[in-house]
């Protein structure tokens, strides 16, 4: 069984209010009202002109420093990101993984599941890591352009740097199981306005999410009643309220409070929500929680986590 030894979250210092974001992203008055009043966004942490590598390396440094025993056994480093590339092609400048590869560690990126990649990697590492191995997972990227930040009629991106330490052993969170569900009909979604495939996926989104949750719970051999809470991706509040209604889950068992404060932070959302729930005392020892995310493409990834 894979264990999540520790989680480190870093956010940009700059707090961008919804009105500021609307002006920066050239949203119309009606779009701003929709994102704020209907979808629930109030502020974001975003510094798109700052470099990505130092942002992630700071989170990595903090988690490794306070986990010296695990750091000494580090064998793999993975960068999970939504965009196909996060740096200039054929350039090592500001490379996220280069400092780790230069130490002789096994490094790779995981991106093709897009925003679900941060959960998909748990399934990958559960099969890859041997006893004694420890992996550092880095999740995050910069929302440097409107095309990256805005998914029309759905969400607005913020930024977060997330670092995870995982391996086999004892720790605060056991990854009991993982599930990955694809729908290849939507493999070529661009996320840009006027994308016909994207429009079709929007119409299918709720059913896809509900189907993925049911598949995951069936795979894990549990029912909804055994879950303490769902840690979602922060696309928007109404979509999750509809999902909750459709699958028969009380809405107060979905952690939605971070949507207003941070927006949709690519693949980091489920871990942001897990840490928020733990800090608020909403989850405790022996609770089962479901981490869930959907990435364009379309992929739904889940991880069933037991809190120790």
C-alpha atoms as a PDB file:
ATOM      1  CA  UNK A   1       0.000   0.000   0.000  1.00  0.00           C
ATOM      2  CA  UNK A   2       1.298   3.449  -0.927  1.00  0.00           C
ATOM      3  CA  UNK A   3       1.643   5.973   1.884  1.00  0.00           C
ATOM      4  CA  UNK A   4       1.460   9.732   1.653  1.00  0.00           C
ATOM      5  CA  UNK A   5       4.147  10.768   4.137  1.00  0.00           C
ATOM      6  CA  UNK A   6       3.723  14.533   3.926  1.00  0.00           C
ATOM      7  CA  UNK A   7       2.196  17.386   1.912  1.00  0.00           C
ATOM      8  CA  UNK A   8       3.587  20.894   1.391  1.00  0.00           C
ATOM      9  CA  UNK A   9       1.523  23.667  -0.192  1.00  0.00           C
ATOM     10  CA  UNK A  10       2.936  27.025  -1.297  1.00  0.00           C
ATOM     11  CA  UNK A  11       0.895  29.874  -2.732  1.00  0.00           C
ATOM     12  CA  UNK A  12       2.002  33.121  -4.388  1.00  0.00           C
ATOM     13  CA  UNK A  13       2.004  36.093  -2.045  1.00  0.00           C
ATOM     14  CA  UNK A  14      -0.146  38.176  -4.398  1.00  0.00           C
ATOM     15  CA  UNK A  15      -3.893  37.975  -3.742  1.00  0.00           C
ATOM     16  CA  UNK A  16      -5.899  38.895  -6.826  1.00  0.00           C
ATOM     17  CA  UNK A  17      -9.535  39.813  -6.223  1.00  0.00           C
ATOM     18  CA  UNK A  18     -12.222  38.797  -8.709  1.00  0.00           C
ATOM     19  CA  UNK A  19     -12.613  42.345 -10.059  1.00  0.00           C
ATOM     20  CA  UNK A  20      -8.862  42.560 -10.713  1.00  0.00           C
ATOM     21  CA  UNK A  21      -8.852  39.157 -12.391  1.00  0.00           C
ATOM     22  CA  UNK A  22     -11.807  40.132 -14.563  1.00  0.00           C
ATOM     23  CA  UNK A  23      -9.987  43.222 -15.808  1.00  0.00           C
ATOM     24  CA  UNK A  24      -6.734  41.317 -16.398  1.00  0.00           C
ATOM     25  CA  UNK A  25      -8.528  38.510 -18.249  1.00  0.00           C
ATOM     26  CA  UNK A  26     -10.780  40.872 -20.212  1.00  0.00           C
ATOM     27  CA  UNK A  27     -13.981  39.304 -18.925  1.00  0.00           C
ATOM     28  CA  UNK A  28     -17.253  41.002 -19.748  1.00  0.00           C
ATOM     29  CA  UNK A  29     -19.508  42.346 -17.007  1.00  0.00           C
ATOM     30  CA  UNK A  30     -21.789  39.318 -17.371  1.00  0.00           C
ATOM     31  CA  UNK A  31     -18.870  36.885 -17.297  1.00  0.00           C
ATOM     32  CA  UNK A  32     -17.509  38.450 -14.117  1.00  0.00           C
ATOM     33  CA  UNK A  33     -20.906  38.186 -12.435  1.00  0.00           C
ATOM     34  CA  UNK A  34     -21.237  34.565 -13.536  1.00  0.00           C
ATOM     35  CA  UNK A  35     -17.820  33.532 -12.224  1.00  0.00           C
ATOM     36  CA  UNK A  36     -18.286  35.407  -8.957  1.00  0.00           C
ATOM     37  CA  UNK A  37     -21.951  35.084  -8.018  1.00  0.00           C
ATOM     38  CA  UNK A  38     -22.831  31.766  -9.648  1.00  0.00           C
ATOM     39  CA  UNK A  39     -19.572  29.807  -9.747  1.00  0.00           C
ATOM     40  CA  UNK A  40     -18.289  31.063  -6.383  1.00  0.00           C
ATOM     41  CA  UNK A  41     -14.891  32.615  -7.201  1.00  0.00           C
ATOM     42  CA  UNK A  42     -13.763  35.531  -5.038  1.00  0.00           C
ATOM     43  CA  UNK A  43      -9.958  35.649  -5.174  1.00  0.00           C
ATOM     44  CA  UNK A  44      -6.919  33.891  -6.605  1.00  0.00           C
ATOM     45  CA  UNK A  45      -3.203  33.563  -5.866  1.00  0.00           C
ATOM     46  CA  UNK A  46      -1.422  34.270  -9.121  1.00  0.00           C
ATOM     47  CA  UNK A  47       1.996  35.640 -10.132  1.00  0.00           C
ATOM     48  CA  UNK A  48       2.262  34.506 -13.769  1.00  0.00           C
ATOM     49  CA  UNK A  49       5.423  36.516 -14.512  1.00  0.00           C
ATOM     50  CA  UNK A  50       7.408  34.689 -11.816  1.00  0.00           C
ATOM     51  CA  UNK A  51       9.442  31.619 -12.786  1.00  0.00           C
ATOM     52  CA  UNK A  52       7.975  28.178 -12.184  1.00  0.00           C
ATOM     53  CA  UNK A  53      11.061  26.256 -11.033  1.00  0.00           C
ATOM     54  CA  UNK A  54      11.873  28.340  -7.908  1.00  0.00           C
ATOM     55  CA  UNK A  55       8.176  28.239  -6.976  1.00  0.00           C
ATOM     56  CA  UNK A  56       8.154  24.432  -6.960  1.00  0.00           C
ATOM     57  CA  UNK A  57      11.680  24.078  -5.586  1.00  0.00           C
ATOM     58  CA  UNK A  58      10.714  26.128  -2.530  1.00  0.00           C
ATOM     59  CA  UNK A  59       7.907  23.670  -1.737  1.00  0.00           C
ATOM     60  CA  UNK A  60      10.276  20.746  -2.369  1.00  0.00           C
ATOM     61  CA  UNK A  61      12.945  22.229  -0.112  1.00  0.00           C
ATOM     62  CA  UNK A  62      10.526  22.664   2.778  1.00  0.00           C
ATOM     63  CA  UNK A  63       9.120  19.152   2.637  1.00  0.00           C
ATOM     64  CA  UNK A  64      12.538  17.512   2.273  1.00  0.00           C
ATOM     65  CA  UNK A  65      14.046  19.570   5.090  1.00  0.00           C
ATOM     66  CA  UNK A  66      11.486  18.437   7.638  1.00  0.00           C
ATOM     67  CA  UNK A  67      11.589  14.794   6.459  1.00  0.00           C
ATOM     68  CA  UNK A  68      15.305  14.013   6.571  1.00  0.00           C
ATOM     69  CA  UNK A  69      14.855  10.245   6.870  1.00  0.00           C
ATOM     70  CA  UNK A  70      12.603  10.076   3.816  1.00  0.00           C
ATOM     71  CA  UNK A  71      14.779  12.546   1.917  1.00  0.00           C
ATOM     72  CA  UNK A  72      17.776  10.252   2.437  1.00  0.00           C
ATOM     73  CA  UNK A  73      15.881   7.464   0.643  1.00  0.00           C
ATOM     74  CA  UNK A  74      14.662   9.620  -2.254  1.00  0.00           C
ATOM     75  CA  UNK A  75      14.766   7.671  -5.530  1.00  0.00           C
ATOM     76  CA  UNK A  76      12.198   9.295  -7.856  1.00  0.00           C
ATOM     77  CA  UNK A  77      11.015  12.832  -8.596  1.00  0.00           C
ATOM     78  CA  UNK A  78       7.927  13.483 -10.713  1.00  0.00           C
ATOM     79  CA  UNK A  79       6.543  16.770 -12.026  1.00  0.00           C
ATOM     80  CA  UNK A  80       2.799  16.640 -12.723  1.00  0.00           C
ATOM     81  CA  UNK A  81       1.494  19.417 -14.924  1.00  0.00           C
ATOM     82  CA  UNK A  82      -1.467  20.168 -17.191  1.00  0.00           C
ATOM     83  CA  UNK A  83       0.257  21.993 -20.032  1.00  0.00           C
ATOM     84  CA  UNK A  84       2.305  19.713 -22.334  1.00  0.00           C
ATOM     85  CA  UNK A  85       5.442  21.747 -21.640  1.00  0.00           C
ATOM     86  CA  UNK A  86       6.321  24.213 -18.891  1.00  0.00           C
ATOM     87  CA  UNK A  87       9.576  25.593 -20.332  1.00  0.00           C
ATOM     88  CA  UNK A  88      11.170  26.546 -23.621  1.00  0.00           C
ATOM     89  CA  UNK A  89      11.766  23.583 -25.886  1.00  0.00           C
ATOM     90  CA  UNK A  90      15.356  22.260 -25.895  1.00  0.00           C
ATOM     91  CA  UNK A  91      16.251  24.411 -22.917  1.00  0.00           C
ATOM     92  CA  UNK A  92      17.329  23.462 -19.399  1.00  0.00           C
ATOM     93  CA  UNK A  93      16.746  27.015 -18.191  1.00  0.00           C
ATOM     94  CA  UNK A  94      14.420  27.053 -15.187  1.00  0.00           C
ATOM     95  CA  UNK A  95      13.990  23.290 -15.513  1.00  0.00           C
ATOM     96  CA  UNK A  96      11.967  21.863 -12.635  1.00  0.00           C
ATOM     97  CA  UNK A  97      13.539  18.405 -12.734  1.00  0.00           C
ATOM     98  CA  UNK A  98      17.154  19.177 -13.711  1.00  0.00           C
ATOM     99  CA  UNK A  99      18.486  19.703 -10.151  1.00  0.00           C
ATOM    100  CA  UNK A 100      17.179  16.262  -9.218  1.00  0.00           C
ATOM    101  CA  UNK A 101      18.334  14.449 -12.359  1.00  0.00           C
ATOM    102  CA  UNK A 102      21.827  15.891 -11.808  1.00  0.00           C
ATOM    103  CA  UNK A 103      21.873  14.023  -8.483  1.00  0.00           C
ATOM    104  CA  UNK A 104      21.281  10.740 -10.296  1.00  0.00           C
ATOM    105  CA  UNK A 105      17.639  10.401  -9.253  1.00  0.00           C
ATOM    106  CA  UNK A 106      15.017   8.928 -11.573  1.00  0.00           C
ATOM    107  CA  UNK A 107      12.933  11.835 -12.889  1.00  0.00           C
ATOM    108  CA  UNK A 108       9.984  12.154 -15.233  1.00  0.00           C
ATOM    109  CA  UNK A 109       6.960  14.320 -15.998  1.00  0.00           C
ATOM    110  CA  UNK A 110       3.347  13.196 -16.027  1.00  0.00           C
ATOM    111  CA  UNK A 111       1.044  15.420 -18.023  1.00  0.00           C
ATOM    112  CA  UNK A 112      -1.280  13.621 -20.441  1.00  0.00           C
ATOM    113  CA  UNK A 113      -4.069  13.311 -17.860  1.00  0.00           C
ATOM    114  CA  UNK A 114      -3.922  17.095 -17.498  1.00  0.00           C
ATOM    115  CA  UNK A 115      -5.426  18.335 -14.194  1.00  0.00           C
ATOM    116  CA  UNK A 116      -6.018  14.722 -13.102  1.00  0.00           C
ATOM    117  CA  UNK A 117      -2.284  13.930 -13.379  1.00  0.00           C
ATOM    118  CA  UNK A 118      -1.619  14.750  -9.714  1.00  0.00           C
ATOM    119  CA  UNK A 119      -3.839  11.840  -8.689  1.00  0.00           C
ATOM    120  CA  UNK A 120      -2.947   9.530 -11.572  1.00  0.00           C
ATOM    121  CA  UNK A 121       0.678   9.643 -10.398  1.00  0.00           C
ATOM    122  CA  UNK A 122      -0.324   7.867  -7.175  1.00  0.00           C
ATOM    123  CA  UNK A 123      -1.497   4.897  -9.241  1.00  0.00           C
ATOM    124  CA  UNK A 124       1.766   4.969 -11.223  1.00  0.00           C
ATOM    125  CA  UNK A 125       3.992   5.199  -8.148  1.00  0.00           C
ATOM    126  CA  UNK A 126       2.060   2.492  -6.346  1.00  0.00           C
ATOM    127  CA  UNK A 127       3.240   0.114  -9.070  1.00  0.00           C
ATOM    128  CA  UNK A 128       6.692   1.624  -9.621  1.00  0.00           C
ATOM    129  CA  UNK A 129       8.132   2.082  -6.138  1.00  0.00           C
ATOM    130  CA  UNK A 130       9.832  -0.802  -4.365  1.00  0.00           C
ATOM    131  CA  UNK A 131      10.129  -1.175  -0.599  1.00  0.00           C
ATOM    132  CA  UNK A 132      12.480   1.489   0.702  1.00  0.00           C
ATOM    133  CA  UNK A 133      11.955   3.837  -2.267  1.00  0.00           C
ATOM    134  CA  UNK A 134      10.620   7.345  -1.691  1.00  0.00           C
ATOM    135  CA  UNK A 135       9.230   9.628  -4.397  1.00  0.00           C
ATOM    136  CA  UNK A 136       8.893  13.390  -4.420  1.00  0.00           C
ATOM    137  CA  UNK A 137       5.891  14.555  -6.446  1.00  0.00           C
ATOM    138  CA  UNK A 138       5.763  18.187  -7.582  1.00  0.00           C
ATOM    139  CA  UNK A 139       2.430  19.527  -8.833  1.00  0.00           C
ATOM    140  CA  UNK A 140       2.071  23.000 -10.283  1.00  0.00           C
ATOM    141  CA  UNK A 141       2.552  25.440 -13.140  1.00  0.00           C
ATOM    142  CA  UNK A 142       2.138  29.094 -13.952  1.00  0.00           C
ATOM    143  CA  UNK A 143      -1.148  30.494 -15.299  1.00  0.00           C
ATOM    144  CA  UNK A 144       0.690  32.830 -17.639  1.00  0.00           C
ATOM    145  CA  UNK A 145      -1.966  33.605 -20.294  1.00  0.00           C
ATOM    146  CA  UNK A 146      -5.721  34.084 -20.577  1.00  0.00           C
ATOM    147  CA  UNK A 147      -6.007  30.939 -22.731  1.00  0.00           C
ATOM    148  CA  UNK A 148      -4.432  29.002 -19.854  1.00  0.00           C
ATOM    149  CA  UNK A 149      -6.332  30.710 -17.043  1.00  0.00           C
ATOM    150  CA  UNK A 150      -9.896  30.690 -18.337  1.00  0.00           C
ATOM    151  CA  UNK A 151     -11.993  27.706 -19.367  1.00  0.00           C
ATOM    152  CA  UNK A 152     -15.028  29.432 -20.815  1.00  0.00           C
ATOM    153  CA  UNK A 153     -18.233  29.051 -18.786  1.00  0.00           C
ATOM    154  CA  UNK A 154     -16.485  26.728 -16.357  1.00  0.00           C
ATOM    155  CA  UNK A 155     -13.539  27.971 -14.282  1.00  0.00           C
ATOM    156  CA  UNK A 156     -10.621  30.343 -13.685  1.00  0.00           C
ATOM    157  CA  UNK A 157      -7.166  29.079 -12.768  1.00  0.00           C
ATOM    158  CA  UNK A 158      -5.084  30.115  -9.793  1.00  0.00           C
ATOM    159  CA  UNK A 159      -1.593  28.957  -8.852  1.00  0.00           C
ATOM    160  CA  UNK A 160      -0.295  26.627  -6.150  1.00  0.00           C
ATOM    161  CA  UNK A 161       2.899  24.663  -5.658  1.00  0.00           C
ATOM    162  CA  UNK A 162       2.244  21.250  -4.143  1.00  0.00           C
ATOM    163  CA  UNK A 163       4.942  18.814  -2.999  1.00  0.00           C
ATOM    164  CA  UNK A 164       4.207  15.264  -1.856  1.00  0.00           C
ATOM    165  CA  UNK A 165       6.446  12.617  -0.328  1.00  0.00           C
ATOM    166  CA  UNK A 166       5.186   9.096  -1.016  1.00  0.00           C
ATOM    167  CA  UNK A 167       6.415   5.549  -0.554  1.00  0.00           C
ATOM    168  CA  UNK A 168       5.647   2.327   1.300  1.00  0.00           C
ATOM    169  CA  UNK A 169       5.532   2.531   5.087  1.00  0.00           C
ATOM    170  CA  UNK A 170       3.641   4.310   7.844  1.00  0.00           C
ATOM    171  CA  UNK A 171       2.465   7.891   7.670  1.00  0.00           C
ATOM    172  CA  UNK A 172      -0.506  10.208   8.116  1.00  0.00           C
ATOM    173  CA  UNK A 173      -2.328   9.058   4.973  1.00  0.00           C
ATOM    174  CA  UNK A 174      -2.619   5.598   3.417  1.00  0.00           C
ATOM    175  CA  UNK A 175      -3.535   5.442  -0.271  1.00  0.00           C
ATOM    176  CA  UNK A 176      -5.944   2.505  -0.050  1.00  0.00           C
ATOM    177  CA  UNK A 177      -6.630   2.452  -3.781  1.00  0.00           C
ATOM    178  CA  UNK A 178      -6.629   4.468  -6.979  1.00  0.00           C
ATOM    179  CA  UNK A 179      -8.789   4.554 -10.080  1.00  0.00           C
ATOM    180  CA  UNK A 180      -8.338   6.160 -13.509  1.00  0.00           C
ATOM    181  CA  UNK A 181     -11.201   6.438 -15.995  1.00  0.00           C
ATOM    182  CA  UNK A 182     -10.825   7.710 -19.577  1.00  0.00           C
ATOM    183  CA  UNK A 183     -13.256   8.745 -22.285  1.00  0.00           C
ATOM    184  CA  UNK A 184     -11.218   8.869 -25.480  1.00  0.00           C
ATOM    185  CA  UNK A 185     -13.938  10.613 -27.470  1.00  0.00           C
ATOM    186  CA  UNK A 186     -12.718  13.862 -25.932  1.00  0.00           C
ATOM    187  CA  UNK A 187      -8.983  13.317 -26.339  1.00  0.00           C
ATOM    188  CA  UNK A 188      -8.492  16.368 -28.557  1.00  0.00           C
ATOM    189  CA  UNK A 189     -10.110  19.052 -26.401  1.00  0.00           C
ATOM    190  CA  UNK A 190      -8.188  22.332 -26.619  1.00  0.00           C
ATOM    191  CA  UNK A 191     -10.117  24.288 -23.976  1.00  0.00           C
ATOM    192  CA  UNK A 192     -10.385  27.237 -26.339  1.00  0.00           C
ATOM    193  CA  UNK A 193     -13.695  28.958 -27.238  1.00  0.00           C
ATOM    194  CA  UNK A 194     -15.517  27.388 -30.180  1.00  0.00           C
ATOM    195  CA  UNK A 195     -14.009  23.933 -29.669  1.00  0.00           C
ATOM    196  CA  UNK A 196     -16.808  21.570 -30.803  1.00  0.00           C
ATOM    197  CA  UNK A 197     -15.325  18.598 -28.946  1.00  0.00           C
ATOM    198  CA  UNK A 198     -15.094  20.725 -25.805  1.00  0.00           C
ATOM    199  CA  UNK A 199     -18.727  21.760 -26.146  1.00  0.00           C
ATOM    200  CA  UNK A 200     -19.735  18.117 -26.424  1.00  0.00           C
ATOM    201  CA  UNK A 201     -17.679  17.282 -23.329  1.00  0.00           C
ATOM    202  CA  UNK A 202     -19.366  20.102 -21.396  1.00  0.00           C
ATOM    203  CA  UNK A 203     -22.703  18.465 -22.120  1.00  0.00           C
ATOM    204  CA  UNK A 204     -21.344  15.093 -20.985  1.00  0.00           C
ATOM    205  CA  UNK A 205     -19.329  16.367 -18.005  1.00  0.00           C
ATOM    206  CA  UNK A 206     -21.742  15.683 -15.140  1.00  0.00           C
ATOM    207  CA  UNK A 207     -22.547  12.153 -16.297  1.00  0.00           C
ATOM    208  CA  UNK A 208     -18.833  11.466 -16.820  1.00  0.00           C
ATOM    209  CA  UNK A 209     -17.977  12.666 -13.304  1.00  0.00           C
ATOM    210  CA  UNK A 210     -20.755  10.655 -11.672  1.00  0.00           C
ATOM    211  CA  UNK A 211     -19.870   7.548 -13.662  1.00  0.00           C
ATOM    212  CA  UNK A 212     -16.205   7.897 -12.663  1.00  0.00           C
ATOM    213  CA  UNK A 213     -17.091   8.215  -8.961  1.00  0.00           C
ATOM    214  CA  UNK A 214     -19.343   5.154  -9.106  1.00  0.00           C
ATOM    215  CA  UNK A 215     -16.634   3.172 -10.933  1.00  0.00           C
ATOM    216  CA  UNK A 216     -14.038   4.185  -8.358  1.00  0.00           C
ATOM    217  CA  UNK A 217     -16.183   3.240  -5.370  1.00  0.00           C
ATOM    218  CA  UNK A 218     -17.013  -0.083  -7.000  1.00  0.00           C
ATOM    219  CA  UNK A 219     -13.305  -0.712  -7.579  1.00  0.00           C
ATOM    220  CA  UNK A 220     -12.553   0.130  -3.944  1.00  0.00           C
ATOM    221  CA  UNK A 221     -15.439  -2.054  -2.722  1.00  0.00           C
ATOM    222  CA  UNK A 222     -17.093   0.668  -0.627  1.00  0.00           C
ATOM    223  CA  UNK A 223     -20.293   2.710  -0.670  1.00  0.00           C
ATOM    224  CA  UNK A 224     -20.849   6.444  -0.443  1.00  0.00           C
ATOM    225  CA  UNK A 225     -21.884   6.077   3.178  1.00  0.00           C
ATOM    226  CA  UNK A 226     -18.394   4.906   4.116  1.00  0.00           C
ATOM    227  CA  UNK A 227     -16.773   8.134   2.868  1.00  0.00           C
ATOM    228  CA  UNK A 228     -16.225  10.905   5.365  1.00  0.00           C
ATOM    229  CA  UNK A 229     -15.622  13.531   2.705  1.00  0.00           C
ATOM    230  CA  UNK A 230     -14.810  14.150  -0.964  1.00  0.00           C
ATOM    231  CA  UNK A 231     -11.788  16.323  -1.803  1.00  0.00           C
ATOM    232  CA  UNK A 232     -12.649  17.673  -5.264  1.00  0.00           C
ATOM    233  CA  UNK A 233     -10.971  19.581  -8.044  1.00  0.00           C
ATOM    234  CA  UNK A 234     -12.021  23.230  -7.781  1.00  0.00           C
ATOM    235  CA  UNK A 235     -13.736  23.712 -11.143  1.00  0.00           C
ATOM    236  CA  UNK A 236     -16.749  25.514  -9.669  1.00  0.00           C
ATOM    237  CA  UNK A 237     -19.377  25.127  -6.952  1.00  0.00           C
ATOM    238  CA  UNK A 238     -22.561  24.497  -9.044  1.00  0.00           C
ATOM    239  CA  UNK A 239     -21.078  21.537 -10.911  1.00  0.00           C
ATOM    240  CA  UNK A 240     -20.232  19.829  -7.616  1.00  0.00           C
ATOM    241  CA  UNK A 241     -23.650  20.515  -6.155  1.00  0.00           C
ATOM    242  CA  UNK A 242     -25.182  18.872  -9.211  1.00  0.00           C
ATOM    243  CA  UNK A 243     -22.798  15.905  -8.955  1.00  0.00           C
ATOM    244  CA  UNK A 244     -23.677  15.505  -5.263  1.00  0.00           C
ATOM    245  CA  UNK A 245     -27.380  15.543  -6.047  1.00  0.00           C
ATOM    246  CA  UNK A 246     -27.017  13.074  -8.914  1.00  0.00           C
ATOM    247  CA  UNK A 247     -25.005  10.494  -6.933  1.00  0.00           C
ATOM    248  CA  UNK A 248     -26.960  10.981  -3.695  1.00  0.00           C
ATOM    249  CA  UNK A 249     -24.219  12.567  -1.582  1.00  0.00           C
ATOM    250  CA  UNK A 250     -24.879  15.317   0.959  1.00  0.00           C
ATOM    251  CA  UNK A 251     -23.288  18.503  -0.370  1.00  0.00           C
ATOM    252  CA  UNK A 252     -21.722  19.259   3.028  1.00  0.00           C
ATOM    253  CA  UNK A 253     -19.533  16.168   2.585  1.00  0.00           C
ATOM    254  CA  UNK A 254     -17.726  17.828  -0.340  1.00  0.00           C
ATOM    255  CA  UNK A 255     -14.965  20.292   0.601  1.00  0.00           C
ATOM    256  CA  UNK A 256     -15.869  23.387  -1.443  1.00  0.00           C
ATOM    257  CA  UNK A 257     -14.604  26.227   0.764  1.00  0.00           C
ATOM    258  CA  UNK A 258     -11.265  26.689  -1.032  1.00  0.00           C
ATOM    259  CA  UNK A 259     -12.848  27.469  -4.407  1.00  0.00           C
ATOM    260  CA  UNK A 260     -13.583  31.047  -3.354  1.00  0.00           C
ATOM    261  CA  UNK A 261     -10.068  31.639  -2.013  1.00  0.00           C
ATOM    262  CA  UNK A 262      -7.843  30.003  -4.627  1.00  0.00           C
ATOM    263  CA  UNK A 263      -9.785  29.131  -7.789  1.00  0.00           C
ATOM    264  CA  UNK A 264      -8.881  26.019  -9.753  1.00  0.00           C
ATOM    265  CA  UNK A 265      -5.161  25.356  -9.140  1.00  0.00           C
ATOM    266  CA  UNK A 266      -4.601  22.765 -11.879  1.00  0.00           C
ATOM    267  CA  UNK A 267      -3.673  19.384 -10.329  1.00  0.00           C
ATOM    268  CA  UNK A 268      -3.139  20.608  -6.767  1.00  0.00           C
ATOM    269  CA  UNK A 269      -6.806  21.048  -5.796  1.00  0.00           C
ATOM    270  CA  UNK A 270      -7.526  17.693  -4.081  1.00  0.00           C
ATOM    271  CA  UNK A 271      -4.452  18.098  -1.879  1.00  0.00           C
ATOM    272  CA  UNK A 272      -5.344  21.709  -1.053  1.00  0.00           C
ATOM    273  CA  UNK A 273      -8.748  20.455   0.049  1.00  0.00           C
ATOM    274  CA  UNK A 274      -7.304  17.536   2.014  1.00  0.00           C
ATOM    275  CA  UNK A 275      -5.048  19.877   3.980  1.00  0.00           C
ATOM    276  CA  UNK A 276      -7.905  22.342   4.497  1.00  0.00           C
ATOM    277  CA  UNK A 277     -10.199  19.598   5.807  1.00  0.00           C
ATOM    278  CA  UNK A 278      -7.495  18.336   8.171  1.00  0.00           C
ATOM    279  CA  UNK A 279      -6.793  21.835   9.505  1.00  0.00           C
ATOM    280  CA  UNK A 280     -10.516  22.440  10.080  1.00  0.00           C
ATOM    281  CA  UNK A 281     -10.951  19.131  11.882  1.00  0.00           C
ATOM    282  CA  UNK A 282     -13.402  17.854   9.285  1.00  0.00           C
ATOM    283  CA  UNK A 283     -11.480  14.598   8.932  1.00  0.00           C
ATOM    284  CA  UNK A 284      -9.763  12.527  11.571  1.00  0.00           C
ATOM    285  CA  UNK A 285      -8.271   9.153  12.411  1.00  0.00           C
ATOM    286  CA  UNK A 286      -9.679   6.200  10.440  1.00  0.00           C
ATOM    287  CA  UNK A 287     -11.757   8.402   8.115  1.00  0.00           C
ATOM    288  CA  UNK A 288     -11.901   7.438   4.444  1.00  0.00           C
ATOM    289  CA  UNK A 289     -11.772  10.342   1.989  1.00  0.00           C
ATOM    290  CA  UNK A 290     -11.993  10.379  -1.786  1.00  0.00           C
ATOM    291  CA  UNK A 291      -9.632  12.627  -3.720  1.00  0.00           C
ATOM    292  CA  UNK A 292     -11.074  13.312  -7.164  1.00  0.00           C
ATOM    293  CA  UNK A 293     -10.119  15.289 -10.248  1.00  0.00           C
ATOM    294  CA  UNK A 294     -11.041  15.509 -13.925  1.00  0.00           C
ATOM    295  CA  UNK A 295      -8.623  16.574 -16.647  1.00  0.00           C
ATOM    296  CA  UNK A 296      -9.452  17.617 -20.179  1.00  0.00           C
ATOM    297  CA  UNK A 297      -8.931  14.759 -22.511  1.00  0.00           C
ATOM    298  CA  UNK A 298     -10.934  13.317 -20.747  1.00  0.00           C
ATOM    299  CA  UNK A 299      -9.612  11.596 -17.626  1.00  0.00           C
ATOM    300  CA  UNK A 300     -11.115  11.200 -14.162  1.00  0.00           C
ATOM    301  CA  UNK A 301      -8.680  10.101 -11.454  1.00  0.00           C
ATOM    302  CA  UNK A 302      -9.528   9.113  -7.903  1.00  0.00           C
ATOM    303  CA  UNK A 303      -7.576   8.099  -4.823  1.00  0.00           C
ATOM    304  CA  UNK A 304      -9.141   6.565  -1.740  1.00  0.00           C
ATOM    305  CA  UNK A 305      -7.190   7.779   1.281  1.00  0.00           C
ATOM    306  CA  UNK A 306      -7.393   6.589   4.884  1.00  0.00           C
ATOM    307  CA  UNK A 307      -6.490   9.197   7.477  1.00  0.00           C
ATOM    308  CA  UNK A 308      -4.241   7.912  10.263  1.00  0.00           C
END
